């Protein structure tokens, strides 16, 4: 897994929250 993907996932998760 990559850090960039983790960061992007974090941003998306914040939007859906």
Protein backbone atom coordinates (compact mmCIF):
# COMPACT_ATOMS: atom_id res chain seq x y z
CA UNK A 1 0.00 0.00 0.00
CA UNK A 2 1.08 3.61 -0.54
CA UNK A 3 0.96 6.64 1.71
CA UNK A 4 -0.62 8.78 -1.01
CA UNK A 5 -3.55 6.36 -1.26
CA UNK A 6 -3.96 6.48 2.51
CA UNK A 7 -4.05 10.29 2.47
CA UNK A 8 -6.57 10.37 -0.38
CA UNK A 9 -8.72 7.84 1.47
CA UNK A 10 -8.57 10.03 4.58
CA UNK A 11 -9.80 13.07 2.62
CA UNK A 12 -12.64 11.13 1.03
CA UNK A 13 -13.60 9.66 4.41
CA UNK A 14 -13.77 13.15 5.87
CA UNK A 15 -16.12 14.28 3.09
CA UNK A 16 -18.47 11.33 3.58
CA UNK A 17 -18.46 11.75 7.35
